[in-house]
């Protein structure tokens, strides 16, 4: 176990998150879903524009607006769920590594004015 002076560690969570392979994969997935949604949106905009009957055009617009809202909500919910899993995994990794190294307390680096042993690099290597 570390000596009494080194019972507190700090970690820069922004650096860890930026290094995370899970976060990178989640961002790539979000980009792909956004592209799919944009393609769908272009298709339906063209369909609405091509409809000459104003009543049918308004009905299509209303239908597609509802579908767009639903798709957007589903994408955001999916993203939030996966982001929570990633966040929990990072927190678990920090806790496990801190325990392994004998730290009793780990604080976010941006909350600490001075002191604590910075374990950011070790954690970033683990989550890559």
Foldseek 3Di string as FASTA:
>chain_A
DDDPQAQEAEAAVVLLLVLAPLNVVLVVVLVVLVVVLVVVVVVLVVVLVPDPDPVVSVVSVVVVVVVSVVSVVVSVVVSVVSVVVVVVVLVVLVVVVSVVVNHPYYYYPVVDPDGHHYPHVVSSVVRD
